[in-house]
Amino acid sequence: MGKPAGVRCIQLNADNLCMIFGQPERPDVCAEFSASIDVCGTTNEQALWLITDLESSTC
C-alpha cells in the first residue's frame, strides 16, 4: 500500500540494501527505479538528503 514520503522503507536492512530485491513481492515502483548520481549521489548520506529533498519538493 506504499508509505508516506520521508518514511524509511521497512524492507531496508542496516546497510540500506533491499531485503526483497529480486523477489516477486518487491513493489513495481522499486523495480522500475533507476538509481543515478543526480538522485542518489555517491554516499548513503547524499542519497538520503537528495531523495528527501525531491520528496518534499514534489508533495
Protein backbone atom coordinates (compact mmCIF):
# COMPACT_ATOMS: atom_id res chain seq x y z
CA MET A 1 0.00 0.00 0.00
CA GLY A 2 3.01 2.30 -0.16
CA LYS A 3 4.48 4.51 2.53
CA PRO A 4 4.48 8.22 3.24
CA ALA A 5 7.32 10.32 1.87
CA GLY A 6 10.20 10.59 4.29
CA VAL A 7 9.46 7.27 6.00
CA ARG A 8 12.20 4.67 5.77
CA CYS A 9 11.25 1.56 3.83
CA ILE A 10 10.74 -1.37 6.18
CA GLN A 11 12.47 -3.64 3.65
CA LEU A 12 15.88 -1.94 4.01
CA ASN A 13 18.49 -3.68 6.14
CA ALA A 14 21.10 -1.92 8.30
CA ASP A 15 23.29 -1.40 5.21
CA ASN A 16 20.38 0.21 3.28
CA LEU A 17 20.08 -2.80 1.00
CA CYS A 18 16.69 -4.11 -0.08
CA MET A 19 15.84 -7.37 1.65
CA ILE A 20 13.32 -8.33 -1.05
CA PHE A 21 15.43 -7.39 -4.09
CA GLY A 22 14.60 -9.73 -6.97
CA GLN A 23 11.57 -11.16 -5.16
CA PRO A 24 8.12 -11.13 -6.77
CA GLU A 25 6.65 -9.17 -3.84
CA ARG A 26 9.01 -6.24 -4.48
CA PRO A 27 6.85 -3.24 -5.50
CA ASP A 28 6.91 -2.19 -9.15
CA VAL A 29 7.93 1.35 -8.18
CA CYS A 30 11.12 -0.06 -6.65
CA ALA A 31 11.84 -2.42 -9.53
CA GLU A 32 11.41 0.43 -12.03
CA PHE A 33 13.59 2.88 -10.07
CA SER A 34 16.89 3.60 -11.78
CA ALA A 35 19.47 4.95 -9.38
CA SER A 36 21.54 7.76 -10.84
CA ILE A 37 24.10 10.09 -9.33
CA ASP A 38 21.74 13.09 -9.57
CA VAL A 39 19.14 11.25 -7.48
CA CYS A 40 21.37 9.16 -5.19
CA GLY A 41 24.69 10.99 -5.03
CA THR A 42 27.75 8.97 -4.14
CA THR A 43 27.09 8.13 -0.48
CA ASN A 44 24.17 6.94 1.64
CA GLU A 45 24.08 10.36 3.30
CA GLN A 46 23.84 12.17 -0.05
CA ALA A 47 21.15 9.77 -1.25
CA LEU A 48 19.05 10.36 1.85
CA TRP A 49 19.38 14.13 1.54
CA LEU A 50 18.68 14.21 -2.21
CA ILE A 51 15.69 11.86 -2.10
CA THR A 52 14.22 13.67 0.93
CA ASP A 53 14.62 16.99 -0.90
CA LEU A 54 12.94 15.58 -4.04
CA GLU A 55 10.06 14.19 -1.99
CA SER A 56 9.47 17.47 -0.19
CA SER A 57 9.67 19.42 -3.45
CA THR A 58 7.02 17.27 -5.13
CA CYS A 59 4.50 16.70 -2.36
